[in-house]
Amino acid sequence: MYPIHPQPFSSGPDLPSVIHDYFAADRDGDSDALGKCFTADAVVRDEGRDHVGIDAILTWKAGASRAYRYTSTPFAIAEQDGRIIVTSRLVGDFPGSPIDLRYLFRLCADGIAALEIRP
């Protein structure tokens, strides 16, 4: 269905290319690459707040990256209700570390149209 990038991290699952690129950009702190993963009107929902559009998404990600240092390692993938769900372990200097988070991606031909992050 979506192009797959095999074994994106040392022992993680095969991920669709744009999702692999999202996690790689997050890992590398590359905001340009991160922005290219999303559609122009994409929505990210994290901690009960919506971030709409690439500028808002990059502001959200920059704030999270300034507040905490962490690594994110995807270890499971599933598909449900038209979304790709990636479970990733976050380890860092934040309360509750380590934690497994679920990333619910809705993809379209142009990239990530929506992302919701849940515990």
PDB file of N, CA and C in Angstrom:
ATOM      1  N   MET A   1       0.819  -1.193   0.000  1.00  0.00           N
ATOM      2  CA  MET A   1       0.000   0.000   0.000  1.00  0.00           C
ATOM      3  C   MET A   1       0.865   1.260   0.000  1.00  0.00           C
ATOM      4  N   TYR A   2       1.802   1.383   0.957  1.00  0.00           N
ATOM      5  CA  TYR A   2       2.704   2.516   1.022  1.00  0.00           C
ATOM      6  C   TYR A   2       4.116   2.007   0.794  1.00  0.00           C
ATOM      7  N   PRO A   3       5.006   2.825   0.221  1.00  0.00           N
ATOM      8  CA  PRO A   3       6.394   2.385   0.081  1.00  0.00           C
ATOM      9  C   PRO A   3       6.972   2.063   1.450  1.00  0.00           C
ATOM     10  N   ILE A   4       7.688   0.976   1.519  1.00  0.00           N
ATOM     11  CA  ILE A   4       8.252   0.510   2.794  1.00  0.00           C
ATOM     12  C   ILE A   4       9.745   0.776   2.825  1.00  0.00           C
ATOM     13  N   HIS A   5      10.213   1.230   3.954  1.00  0.00           N
ATOM     14  CA  HIS A   5      11.643   1.369   4.180  1.00  0.00           C
ATOM     15  C   HIS A   5      12.014   0.268   5.170  1.00  0.00           C
ATOM     16  N   PRO A   6      12.721  -0.774   4.723  1.00  0.00           N
ATOM     17  CA  PRO A   6      12.988  -1.903   5.614  1.00  0.00           C
ATOM     18  C   PRO A   6      13.946  -1.561   6.747  1.00  0.00           C
ATOM     19  N   GLN A   7      13.681  -2.144   7.891  1.00  0.00           N
ATOM     20  CA  GLN A   7      14.527  -2.052   9.077  1.00  0.00           C
ATOM     21  C   GLN A   7      15.112  -0.660   9.286  1.00  0.00           C
ATOM     22  N   PRO A   8      14.266   0.327   9.567  1.00  0.00           N
ATOM     23  CA  PRO A   8      14.731   1.698   9.666  1.00  0.00           C
ATOM     24  C   PRO A   8      15.648   1.971  10.846  1.00  0.00           C
ATOM     25  N   PHE A   9      15.492   1.228  11.885  1.00  0.00           N
ATOM     26  CA  PHE A   9      16.335   1.401  13.057  1.00  0.00           C
ATOM     27  C   PHE A   9      16.935   0.039  13.364  1.00  0.00           C
ATOM     28  N   SER A  10      17.842  -0.041  14.245  1.00  0.00           N
ATOM     29  CA  SER A  10      18.646  -1.249  14.403  1.00  0.00           C
ATOM     30  C   SER A  10      17.841  -2.541  14.444  1.00  0.00           C
ATOM     31  N   SER A  11      16.722  -2.549  15.112  1.00  0.00           N
ATOM     32  CA  SER A  11      15.955  -3.802  15.156  1.00  0.00           C
ATOM     33  C   SER A  11      14.457  -3.548  15.107  1.00  0.00           C
ATOM     34  N   GLY A  12      14.059  -2.440  14.503  1.00  0.00           N
ATOM     35  CA  GLY A  12      12.651  -2.082  14.473  1.00  0.00           C
ATOM     36  C   GLY A  12      11.908  -2.710  13.319  1.00  0.00           C
ATOM     37  N   PRO A  13      10.615  -2.415  13.250  1.00  0.00           N
ATOM     38  CA  PRO A  13       9.782  -2.968  12.184  1.00  0.00           C
ATOM     39  C   PRO A  13      10.008  -2.221  10.873  1.00  0.00           C
ATOM     40  N   ASP A  14       9.595  -2.842   9.768  1.00  0.00           N
ATOM     41  CA  ASP A  14       9.574  -2.138   8.488  1.00  0.00           C
ATOM     42  C   ASP A  14       8.494  -1.068   8.560  1.00  0.00           C
ATOM     43  N   LEU A  15       8.835   0.146   8.162  1.00  0.00           N
ATOM     44  CA  LEU A  15       7.899   1.271   8.227  1.00  0.00           C
ATOM     45  C   LEU A  15       7.688   1.853   6.837  1.00  0.00           C
ATOM     46  N   PRO A  16       6.494   2.379   6.561  1.00  0.00           N
ATOM     47  CA  PRO A  16       6.330   3.155   5.331  1.00  0.00           C
ATOM     48  C   PRO A  16       7.387   4.262   5.304  1.00  0.00           C
ATOM     49  N   SER A  17       7.874   4.586   4.128  1.00  0.00           N
ATOM     50  CA  SER A  17       9.000   5.517   3.987  1.00  0.00           C
ATOM     51  C   SER A  17       8.792   6.841   4.703  1.00  0.00           C
ATOM     52  N   VAL A  18       7.616   7.443   4.569  1.00  0.00           N
ATOM     53  CA  VAL A  18       7.398   8.756   5.182  1.00  0.00           C
ATOM     54  C   VAL A  18       7.399   8.656   6.711  1.00  0.00           C
ATOM     55  N   ILE A  19       6.957   7.540   7.254  1.00  0.00           N
ATOM     56  CA  ILE A  19       6.995   7.358   8.711  1.00  0.00           C
ATOM     57  C   ILE A  19       8.432   7.135   9.163  1.00  0.00           C
ATOM     58  N   HIS A  20       9.172   6.351   8.411  1.00  0.00           N
ATOM     59  CA  HIS A  20      10.608   6.193   8.694  1.00  0.00           C
ATOM     60  C   HIS A  20      11.280   7.564   8.699  1.00  0.00           C
ATOM     61  N   ASP A  21      10.973   8.378   7.671  1.00  0.00           N
ATOM     62  CA  ASP A  21      11.583   9.701   7.565  1.00  0.00           C
ATOM     63  C   ASP A  21      11.209  10.588   8.750  1.00  0.00           C
ATOM     64  N   TYR A  22       9.960  10.467   9.241  1.00  0.00           N
ATOM     65  CA  TYR A  22       9.527  11.238  10.413  1.00  0.00           C
ATOM     66  C   TYR A  22      10.387  10.884  11.627  1.00  0.00           C
ATOM     67  N   PHE A  23      10.524   9.586  11.910  1.00  0.00           N
ATOM     68  CA  PHE A  23      11.307   9.178  13.089  1.00  0.00           C
ATOM     69  C   PHE A  23      12.788   9.519  12.917  1.00  0.00           C
ATOM     70  N   ALA A  24      13.320   9.396  11.701  1.00  0.00           N
ATOM     71  CA  ALA A  24      14.723   9.745  11.455  1.00  0.00           C
ATOM     72  C   ALA A  24      14.947  11.248  11.646  1.00  0.00           C
ATOM     73  N   ALA A  25      14.037  12.078  11.144  1.00  0.00           N
ATOM     74  CA  ALA A  25      14.164  13.526  11.306  1.00  0.00           C
ATOM     75  C   ALA A  25      14.066  13.911  12.777  1.00  0.00           C
ATOM     76  N   ASP A  26      13.166  13.254  13.513  1.00  0.00           N
ATOM     77  CA  ASP A  26      13.045  13.508  14.951  1.00  0.00           C
ATOM     78  C   ASP A  26      14.339  13.124  15.652  1.00  0.00           C
ATOM     79  N   ARG A  27      14.862  11.966  15.339  1.00  0.00           N
ATOM     80  CA  ARG A  27      16.109  11.488  15.951  1.00  0.00           C
ATOM     81  C   ARG A  27      17.262  12.441  15.664  1.00  0.00           C
ATOM     82  N   ASP A  28      17.326  12.942  14.421  1.00  0.00           N
ATOM     83  CA  ASP A  28      18.442  13.782  13.996  1.00  0.00           C
ATOM     84  C   ASP A  28      18.238  15.259  14.313  1.00  0.00           C
ATOM     85  N   GLY A  29      17.040  15.638  14.784  1.00  0.00           N
ATOM     86  CA  GLY A  29      16.753  17.042  15.053  1.00  0.00           C
ATOM     87  C   GLY A  29      16.717  17.877  13.784  1.00  0.00           C
ATOM     88  N   ASP A  30      16.301  17.282  12.679  1.00  0.00           N
ATOM     89  CA  ASP A  30      16.300  17.930  11.366  1.00  0.00           C
ATOM     90  C   ASP A  30      14.905  18.473  11.055  1.00  0.00           C
ATOM     91  N   SER A  31      14.683  19.751  11.366  1.00  0.00           N
ATOM     92  CA  SER A  31      13.349  20.328  11.186  1.00  0.00           C
ATOM     93  C   SER A  31      12.962  20.439   9.712  1.00  0.00           C
ATOM     94  N   ASP A  32      13.925  20.679   8.826  1.00  0.00           N
ATOM     95  CA  ASP A  32      13.592  20.731   7.395  1.00  0.00           C
ATOM     96  C   ASP A  32      13.058  19.390   6.925  1.00  0.00           C
ATOM     97  N   ALA A  33      13.746  18.316   7.277  1.00  0.00           N
ATOM     98  CA  ALA A  33      13.304  16.976   6.881  1.00  0.00           C
ATOM     99  C   ALA A  33      11.970  16.639   7.542  1.00  0.00           C
ATOM    100  N   LEU A  34      11.786  17.043   8.786  1.00  0.00           N
ATOM    101  CA  LEU A  34      10.529  16.772   9.479  1.00  0.00           C
ATOM    102  C   LEU A  34       9.368  17.458   8.764  1.00  0.00           C
ATOM    103  N   GLY A  35       9.541  18.714   8.406  1.00  0.00           N
ATOM    104  CA  GLY A  35       8.489  19.456   7.722  1.00  0.00           C
ATOM    105  C   GLY A  35       8.093  18.826   6.400  1.00  0.00           C
ATOM    106  N   LYS A  36       9.045  18.223   5.715  1.00  0.00           N
ATOM    107  CA  LYS A  36       8.773  17.583   4.423  1.00  0.00           C
ATOM    108  C   LYS A  36       7.941  16.311   4.562  1.00  0.00           C
ATOM    109  N   CYS A  37       7.813  15.787   5.747  1.00  0.00           N
ATOM    110  CA  CYS A  37       7.031  14.566   5.974  1.00  0.00           C
ATOM    111  C   CYS A  37       5.526  14.845   5.945  1.00  0.00           C
ATOM    112  N   PHE A  38       5.127  16.086   6.222  1.00  0.00           N
ATOM    113  CA  PHE A  38       3.717  16.427   6.416  1.00  0.00           C
ATOM    114  C   PHE A  38       3.123  17.143   5.202  1.00  0.00           C
ATOM    115  N   THR A  39       1.812  16.988   5.045  1.00  0.00           N
ATOM    116  CA  THR A  39       1.084  17.768   4.054  1.00  0.00           C
ATOM    117  C   THR A  39       0.951  19.201   4.577  1.00  0.00           C
ATOM    118  N   ALA A  40       0.650  20.130   3.698  1.00  0.00           N
ATOM    119  CA  ALA A  40       0.567  21.545   4.084  1.00  0.00           C
ATOM    120  C   ALA A  40      -0.466  21.797   5.178  1.00  0.00           C
ATOM    121  N   ASP A  41      -1.565  21.031   5.180  1.00  0.00           N
ATOM    122  CA  ASP A  41      -2.632  21.245   6.164  1.00  0.00           C
ATOM    123  C   ASP A  41      -2.713  20.116   7.191  1.00  0.00           C
ATOM    124  N   ALA A  42      -1.598  19.447   7.410  1.00  0.00           N
ATOM    125  CA  ALA A  42      -1.561  18.332   8.362  1.00  0.00           C
ATOM    126  C   ALA A  42      -1.925  18.791   9.768  1.00  0.00           C
ATOM    127  N   VAL A  43      -2.386  17.818  10.563  1.00  0.00           N
ATOM    128  CA  VAL A  43      -2.741  18.070  11.959  1.00  0.00           C
ATOM    129  C   VAL A  43      -1.990  17.074  12.839  1.00  0.00           C
ATOM    130  N   VAL A  44      -1.327  17.588  13.861  1.00  0.00           N
ATOM    131  CA  VAL A  44      -0.706  16.739  14.886  1.00  0.00           C
ATOM    132  C   VAL A  44      -1.452  16.989  16.182  1.00  0.00           C
ATOM    133  N   ARG A  45      -1.877  15.905  16.826  1.00  0.00           N
ATOM    134  CA  ARG A  45      -2.534  15.998  18.134  1.00  0.00           C
ATOM    135  C   ARG A  45      -1.610  15.335  19.151  1.00  0.00           C
ATOM    136  N   ASP A  46      -1.185  16.124  20.133  1.00  0.00           N
ATOM    137  CA  ASP A  46      -0.288  15.627  21.175  1.00  0.00           C
ATOM    138  C   ASP A  46      -0.651  16.310  22.484  1.00  0.00           C
ATOM    139  N   GLU A  47      -0.725  15.546  23.545  1.00  0.00           N
ATOM    140  CA  GLU A  47      -1.047  16.063  24.878  1.00  0.00           C
ATOM    141  C   GLU A  47      -2.309  16.920  24.860  1.00  0.00           C
ATOM    142  N   GLY A  48      -3.314  16.472  24.087  1.00  0.00           N
ATOM    143  CA  GLY A  48      -4.609  17.128  24.064  1.00  0.00           C
ATOM    144  C   GLY A  48      -4.681  18.399  23.247  1.00  0.00           C
ATOM    145  N   ARG A  49      -3.619  18.743  22.516  1.00  0.00           N
ATOM    146  CA  ARG A  49      -3.606  19.975  21.710  1.00  0.00           C
ATOM    147  C   ARG A  49      -3.402  19.620  20.249  1.00  0.00           C
ATOM    148  N   ASP A  50      -4.067  20.372  19.386  1.00  0.00           N
ATOM    149  CA  ASP A  50      -3.908  20.212  17.943  1.00  0.00           C
ATOM    150  C   ASP A  50      -2.942  21.267  17.417  1.00  0.00           C
ATOM    151  N   HIS A  51      -2.082  20.839  16.503  1.00  0.00           N
ATOM    152  CA  HIS A  51      -1.120  21.708  15.837  1.00  0.00           C
ATOM    153  C   HIS A  51      -1.397  21.549  14.346  1.00  0.00           C
ATOM    154  N   VAL A  52      -1.880  22.610  13.714  1.00  0.00           N
ATOM    155  CA  VAL A  52      -2.383  22.535  12.340  1.00  0.00           C
ATOM    156  C   VAL A  52      -1.451  23.283  11.395  1.00  0.00           C
ATOM    157  N   GLY A  53      -1.001  22.599  10.361  1.00  0.00           N
ATOM    158  CA  GLY A  53      -0.114  23.191   9.368  1.00  0.00           C
ATOM    159  C   GLY A  53       1.347  22.987   9.734  1.00  0.00           C
ATOM    160  N   ILE A  54       2.184  23.051   8.732  1.00  0.00           N
ATOM    161  CA  ILE A  54       3.606  22.738   8.926  1.00  0.00           C
ATOM    162  C   ILE A  54       4.272  23.687   9.918  1.00  0.00           C
ATOM    163  N   ASP A  55       3.993  24.977   9.844  1.00  0.00           N
ATOM    164  CA  ASP A  55       4.627  25.919  10.784  1.00  0.00           C
ATOM    165  C   ASP A  55       4.277  25.585  12.232  1.00  0.00           C
ATOM    166  N   ALA A  56       3.014  25.309  12.496  1.00  0.00           N
ATOM    167  CA  ALA A  56       2.592  24.960  13.853  1.00  0.00           C
ATOM    168  C   ALA A  56       3.204  23.636  14.294  1.00  0.00           C
ATOM    169  N   ILE A  57       3.307  22.693  13.381  1.00  0.00           N
ATOM    170  CA  ILE A  57       3.898  21.392  13.706  1.00  0.00           C
ATOM    171  C   ILE A  57       5.377  21.561  14.042  1.00  0.00           C
ATOM    172  N   LEU A  58       6.087  22.354  13.271  1.00  0.00           N
ATOM    173  CA  LEU A  58       7.509  22.574  13.556  1.00  0.00           C
ATOM    174  C   LEU A  58       7.710  23.323  14.867  1.00  0.00           C
ATOM    175  N   THR A  59       6.821  24.256  15.187  1.00  0.00           N
ATOM    176  CA  THR A  59       6.895  24.958  16.470  1.00  0.00           C
ATOM    177  C   THR A  59       6.667  23.987  17.626  1.00  0.00           C
ATOM    178  N   TRP A  60       5.653  23.105  17.481  1.00  0.00           N
ATOM    179  CA  TRP A  60       5.379  22.086  18.493  1.00  0.00           C
ATOM    180  C   TRP A  60       6.597  21.187  18.704  1.00  0.00           C
ATOM    181  N   LYS A  61       7.165  20.693  17.611  1.00  0.00           N
ATOM    182  CA  LYS A  61       8.298  19.763  17.720  1.00  0.00           C
ATOM    183  C   LYS A  61       9.517  20.456  18.316  1.00  0.00           C
ATOM    184  N   ALA A  62       9.772  21.711  17.930  1.00  0.00           N
ATOM    185  CA  ALA A  62      10.908  22.448  18.481  1.00  0.00           C
ATOM    186  C   ALA A  62      10.747  22.642  19.981  1.00  0.00           C
ATOM    187  N   GLY A  63       9.531  22.937  20.425  1.00  0.00           N
ATOM    188  CA  GLY A  63       9.277  23.100  21.853  1.00  0.00           C
ATOM    189  C   GLY A  63       9.514  21.817  22.624  1.00  0.00           C
ATOM    190  N   ALA A  64       9.039  20.710  22.086  1.00  0.00           N
ATOM    191  CA  ALA A  64       9.243  19.410  22.743  1.00  0.00           C
ATOM    192  C   ALA A  64      10.726  19.066  22.786  1.00  0.00           C
ATOM    193  N   SER A  65      11.437  19.371  21.719  1.00  0.00           N
ATOM    194  CA  SER A  65      12.869  19.048  21.658  1.00  0.00           C
ATOM    195  C   SER A  65      13.687  19.928  22.599  1.00  0.00           C
ATOM    196  N   ARG A  66      13.241  21.177  22.806  1.00  0.00           N
ATOM    197  CA  ARG A  66      13.931  22.056  23.757  1.00  0.00           C
ATOM    198  C   ARG A  66      13.671  21.624  25.201  1.00  0.00           C
ATOM    199  N   ALA A  67      12.453  21.188  25.464  1.00  0.00           N
ATOM    200  CA  ALA A  67      12.059  20.848  26.829  1.00  0.00           C
ATOM    201  C   ALA A  67      12.685  19.546  27.310  1.00  0.00           C
ATOM    202  N   TYR A  68      12.867  18.590  26.394  1.00  0.00           N
ATOM    203  CA  TYR A  68      13.332  17.261  26.799  1.00  0.00           C
ATOM    204  C   TYR A  68      14.356  16.724  25.804  1.00  0.00           C
ATOM    205  N   ARG A  69      15.281  15.951  26.340  1.00  0.00           N
ATOM    206  CA  ARG A  69      16.170  15.166  25.484  1.00  0.00           C
ATOM    207  C   ARG A  69      15.676  13.735  25.570  1.00  0.00           C
ATOM    208  N   TYR A  70      15.547  13.094  24.410  1.00  0.00           N
ATOM    209  CA  TYR A  70      14.995  11.744  24.402  1.00  0.00           C
ATOM    210  C   TYR A  70      15.437  11.017  23.145  1.00  0.00           C
ATOM    211  N   THR A  71      15.291   9.711  23.195  1.00  0.00           N
ATOM    212  CA  THR A  71      15.425   8.882  22.003  1.00  0.00           C
ATOM    213  C   THR A  71      14.097   8.161  21.826  1.00  0.00           C
ATOM    214  N   SER A  72      13.750   7.926  20.580  1.00  0.00           N
ATOM    215  CA  SER A  72      12.499   7.249  20.249  1.00  0.00           C
ATOM    216  C   SER A  72      12.838   6.074  19.351  1.00  0.00           C
ATOM    217  N   THR A  73      12.464   4.877  19.789  1.00  0.00           N
ATOM    218  CA  THR A  73      12.778   3.672  19.028  1.00  0.00           C
ATOM    219  C   THR A  73      11.505   2.913  18.706  1.00  0.00           C
ATOM    220  N   PRO A  74      11.061   2.969  17.446  1.00  0.00           N
ATOM    221  CA  PRO A  74       9.868   2.216  17.044  1.00  0.00           C
ATOM    222  C   PRO A  74      10.112   0.716  17.170  1.00  0.00           C
ATOM    223  N   PHE A  75       9.106   0.002  17.703  1.00  0.00           N
ATOM    224  CA  PHE A  75       9.288  -1.438  17.832  1.00  0.00           C
ATOM    225  C   PHE A  75       8.090  -2.263  17.372  1.00  0.00           C
ATOM    226  N   ALA A  76       6.969  -1.623  17.022  1.00  0.00           N
ATOM    227  CA  ALA A  76       5.804  -2.383  16.554  1.00  0.00           C
ATOM    228  C   ALA A  76       5.006  -1.518  15.593  1.00  0.00           C
ATOM    229  N   ILE A  77       4.325  -2.187  14.657  1.00  0.00           N
ATOM    230  CA  ILE A  77       3.498  -1.487  13.683  1.00  0.00           C
ATOM    231  C   ILE A  77       2.230  -2.291  13.439  1.00  0.00           C
ATOM    232  N   ALA A  78       1.116  -1.589  13.268  1.00  0.00           N
ATOM    233  CA  ALA A  78      -0.171  -2.222  12.973  1.00  0.00           C
ATOM    234  C   ALA A  78      -0.969  -1.249  12.110  1.00  0.00           C
ATOM    235  N   GLU A  79      -2.040  -1.751  11.518  1.00  0.00           N
ATOM    236  CA  GLU A  79      -2.930  -0.892  10.746  1.00  0.00           C
ATOM    237  C   GLU A  79      -4.340  -1.098  11.270  1.00  0.00           C
ATOM    238  N   GLN A  80      -5.055   0.011  11.507  1.00  0.00           N
ATOM    239  CA  GLN A  80      -6.408  -0.069  12.045  1.00  0.00           C
ATOM    240  C   GLN A  80      -7.183   1.170  11.609  1.00  0.00           C
ATOM    241  N   ASP A  81      -8.384   0.957  11.086  1.00  0.00           N
ATOM    242  CA  ASP A  81      -9.284   2.049  10.704  1.00  0.00           C
ATOM    243  C   ASP A  81      -8.609   3.065   9.784  1.00  0.00           C
ATOM    244  N   GLY A  82      -7.807   2.591   8.850  1.00  0.00           N
ATOM    245  CA  GLY A  82      -7.161   3.477   7.892  1.00  0.00           C
ATOM    246  C   GLY A  82      -5.957   4.224   8.436  1.00  0.00           C
ATOM    247  N   ARG A  83      -5.545   3.895   9.648  1.00  0.00           N
ATOM    248  CA  ARG A  83      -4.370   4.540  10.229  1.00  0.00           C
ATOM    249  C   ARG A  83      -3.272   3.502  10.444  1.00  0.00           C
ATOM    250  N   ILE A  84      -2.050   3.967  10.361  1.00  0.00           N
ATOM    251  CA  ILE A  84      -0.902   3.126  10.684  1.00  0.00           C
ATOM    252  C   ILE A  84      -0.466   3.500  12.088  1.00  0.00           C
ATOM    253  N   ILE A  85      -0.410   2.503  12.957  1.00  0.00           N
ATOM    254  CA  ILE A  85      -0.094   2.734  14.360  1.00  0.00           C
ATOM    255  C   ILE A  85       1.305   2.182  14.633  1.00  0.00           C
ATOM    256  N   VAL A  86       2.187   3.066  15.028  1.00  0.00           N
ATOM    257  CA  VAL A  86       3.556   2.685  15.364  1.00  0.00           C
ATOM    258  C   VAL A  86       3.734   2.873  16.862  1.00  0.00           C
ATOM    259  N   THR A  87       4.190   1.833  17.537  1.00  0.00           N
ATOM    260  CA  THR A  87       4.499   1.940  18.959  1.00  0.00           C
ATOM    261  C   THR A  87       6.003   2.129  19.095  1.00  0.00           C
ATOM    262  N   SER A  88       6.376   3.129  19.873  1.00  0.00           N
ATOM    263  CA  SER A  88       7.781   3.494  20.012  1.00  0.00           C
ATOM    264  C   SER A  88       8.107   3.700  21.487  1.00  0.00           C
ATOM    265  N   ARG A  89       9.301   3.282  21.863  1.00  0.00           N
ATOM    266  CA  ARG A  89       9.760   3.481  23.244  1.00  0.00           C
ATOM    267  C   ARG A  89      10.546   4.784  23.305  1.00  0.00           C
ATOM    268  N   LEU A  90      10.107   5.686  24.182  1.00  0.00           N
ATOM    269  CA  LEU A  90      10.823   6.936  24.415  1.00  0.00           C
ATOM    270  C   LEU A  90      11.569   6.829  25.734  1.00  0.00           C
ATOM    271  N   VAL A  91      12.842   7.168  25.676  1.00  0.00           N
ATOM    272  CA  VAL A  91      13.699   7.172  26.858  1.00  0.00           C
ATOM    273  C   VAL A  91      14.364   8.537  26.901  1.00  0.00           C
ATOM    274  N   GLY A  92      14.270   9.208  28.055  1.00  0.00           N
ATOM    275  CA  GLY A  92      14.888  10.527  28.134  1.00  0.00           C
ATOM    276  C   GLY A  92      14.779  11.144  29.500  1.00  0.00           C
ATOM    277  N   ASP A  93      14.959  12.470  29.531  1.00  0.00           N
ATOM    278  CA  ASP A  93      14.967  13.205  30.792  1.00  0.00           C
ATOM    279  C   ASP A  93      13.614  13.864  31.054  1.00  0.00           C
ATOM    280  N   PHE A  94      12.562  13.068  30.949  1.00  0.00           N
ATOM    281  CA  PHE A  94      11.212  13.577  31.198  1.00  0.00           C
ATOM    282  C   PHE A  94      10.532  12.683  32.227  1.00  0.00           C
ATOM    283  N   PRO A  95       9.560  13.213  32.958  1.00  0.00           N
ATOM    284  CA  PRO A  95       8.863  12.418  33.968  1.00  0.00           C
ATOM    285  C   PRO A  95       8.207  11.187  33.336  1.00  0.00           C
ATOM    286  N   GLY A  96       8.381  10.043  33.949  1.00  0.00           N
ATOM    287  CA  GLY A  96       7.764   8.813  33.465  1.00  0.00           C
ATOM    288  C   GLY A  96       8.627   8.025  32.496  1.00  0.00           C
ATOM    289  N   SER A  97       9.836   8.496  32.225  1.00  0.00           N
ATOM    290  CA  SER A  97      10.718   7.787  31.292  1.00  0.00           C
ATOM    291  C   SER A  97      11.186   6.478  31.907  1.00  0.00           C
ATOM    292  N   PRO A  98      11.237   5.418  31.121  1.00  0.00           N
ATOM    293  CA  PRO A  98      10.841   5.305  29.714  1.00  0.00           C
ATOM    294  C   PRO A  98       9.322   5.095  29.595  1.00  0.00           C
ATOM    295  N   ILE A  99       8.812   5.376  28.400  1.00  0.00           N
ATOM    296  CA  ILE A  99       7.392   5.203  28.137  1.00  0.00           C
ATOM    297  C   ILE A  99       7.213   4.714  26.703  1.00  0.00           C
ATOM    298  N   ASP A 100       6.207   3.886  26.508  1.00  0.00           N
ATOM    299  CA  ASP A 100       5.841   3.453  25.164  1.00  0.00           C
ATOM    300  C   ASP A 100       4.683   4.326  24.697  1.00  0.00           C
ATOM    301  N   LEU A 101       4.875   4.976  23.556  1.00  0.00           N
ATOM    302  CA  LEU A 101       3.832   5.825  22.984  1.00  0.00           C
ATOM    303  C   LEU A 101       3.351   5.215  21.677  1.00  0.00           C
ATOM    304  N   ARG A 102       2.077   5.460  21.382  1.00  0.00           N
ATOM    305  CA  ARG A 102       1.501   5.032  20.101  1.00  0.00           C
ATOM    306  C   ARG A 102       1.361   6.256  19.210  1.00  0.00           C
ATOM    307  N   TYR A 103       1.862   6.136  18.017  1.00  0.00           N
ATOM    308  CA  TYR A 103       1.789   7.183  17.000  1.00  0.00           C
ATOM    309  C   TYR A 103       0.793   6.713  15.960  1.00  0.00           C
ATOM    310  N   LEU A 104      -0.329   7.412  15.846  1.00  0.00           N
ATOM    311  CA  LEU A 104      -1.379   7.034  14.904  1.00  0.00           C
ATOM    312  C   LEU A 104      -1.277   7.946  13.691  1.00  0.00           C
ATOM    313  N   PHE A 105      -0.780   7.401  12.596  1.00  0.00           N
ATOM    314  CA  PHE A 105      -0.542   8.156  11.374  1.00  0.00           C
ATOM    315  C   PHE A 105      -1.679   7.934  10.387  1.00  0.00           C
ATOM    316  N   ARG A 106      -2.134   8.998   9.763  1.00  0.00           N
ATOM    317  CA  ARG A 106      -3.027   8.914   8.604  1.00  0.00           C
ATOM    318  C   ARG A 106      -2.223   9.482   7.437  1.00  0.00           C
ATOM    319  N   LEU A 107      -1.981   8.622   6.453  1.00  0.00           N
ATOM    320  CA  LEU A 107      -1.159   9.005   5.313  1.00  0.00           C
ATOM    321  C   LEU A 107      -2.023   9.306   4.099  1.00  0.00           C
ATOM    322  N   CYS A 108      -1.494  10.126   3.214  1.00  0.00           N
ATOM    323  CA  CYS A 108      -2.087  10.351   1.901  1.00  0.00           C
ATOM    324  C   CYS A 108      -0.929  10.381   0.908  1.00  0.00           C
ATOM    325  N   ALA A 109      -1.233  10.576  -0.330  1.00  0.00           N
ATOM    326  CA  ALA A 109      -0.195  10.536  -1.359  1.00  0.00           C
ATOM    327  C   ALA A 109       0.905  11.569  -1.123  1.00  0.00           C
ATOM    328  N   ASP A 110       0.572  12.692  -0.476  1.00  0.00           N
ATOM    329  CA  ASP A 110       1.538  13.769  -0.268  1.00  0.00           C
ATOM    330  C   ASP A 110       2.329  13.664   1.032  1.00  0.00           C
ATOM    331  N   GLY A 111       2.014  12.705   1.883  1.00  0.00           N
ATOM    332  CA  GLY A 111       2.747  12.563   3.132  1.00  0.00           C
ATOM    333  C   GLY A 111       1.826  12.285   4.306  1.00  0.00           C
ATOM    334  N   ILE A 112       2.231  12.730   5.475  1.00  0.00           N
ATOM    335  CA  ILE A 112       1.451  12.535   6.693  1.00  0.00           C
ATOM    336  C   ILE A 112       0.377  13.616   6.742  1.00  0.00           C
ATOM    337  N   ALA A 113      -0.882  13.188   6.719  1.00  0.00           N
ATOM    338  CA  ALA A 113      -2.006  14.126   6.790  1.00  0.00           C
ATOM    339  C   ALA A 113      -2.426  14.371   8.238  1.00  0.00           C
ATOM    340  N   ALA A 114      -2.225  13.372   9.095  1.00  0.00           N
ATOM    341  CA  ALA A 114      -2.579  13.511  10.501  1.00  0.00           C
ATOM    342  C   ALA A 114      -1.713  12.585  11.330  1.00  0.00           C
ATOM    343  N   LEU A 115      -1.408  13.035  12.525  1.00  0.00           N
ATOM    344  CA  LEU A 115      -0.648  12.243  13.488  1.00  0.00           C
ATOM    345  C   LEU A 115      -1.234  12.533  14.860  1.00  0.00           C
ATOM    346  N   GLU A 116      -1.567  11.453  15.562  1.00  0.00           N
ATOM    347  CA  GLU A 116      -1.998  11.582  16.964  1.00  0.00           C
ATOM    348  C   GLU A 116      -1.050  10.747  17.798  1.00  0.00           C
ATOM    349  N   ILE A 117      -0.575  11.327  18.894  1.00  0.00           N
ATOM    350  CA  ILE A 117       0.366  10.636  19.785  1.00  0.00           C
ATOM    351  C   ILE A 117      -0.358  10.360  21.094  1.00  0.00           C
ATOM    352  N   ARG A 118      -0.355   9.071  21.474  1.00  0.00           N
ATOM    353  CA  ARG A 118      -1.061   8.638  22.692  1.00  0.00           C
ATOM    354  C   ARG A 118      -0.158   7.751  23.541  1.00  0.00           C
ATOM    355  N   PRO A 119      -0.391   7.797  24.865  1.00  0.00           N
ATOM    356  CA  PRO A 119       0.327   6.840  25.726  1.00  0.00           C
ATOM    357  C   PRO A 119      -0.156   5.420  25.482  1.00  0.00           C
TER     358      PRO A 119
END
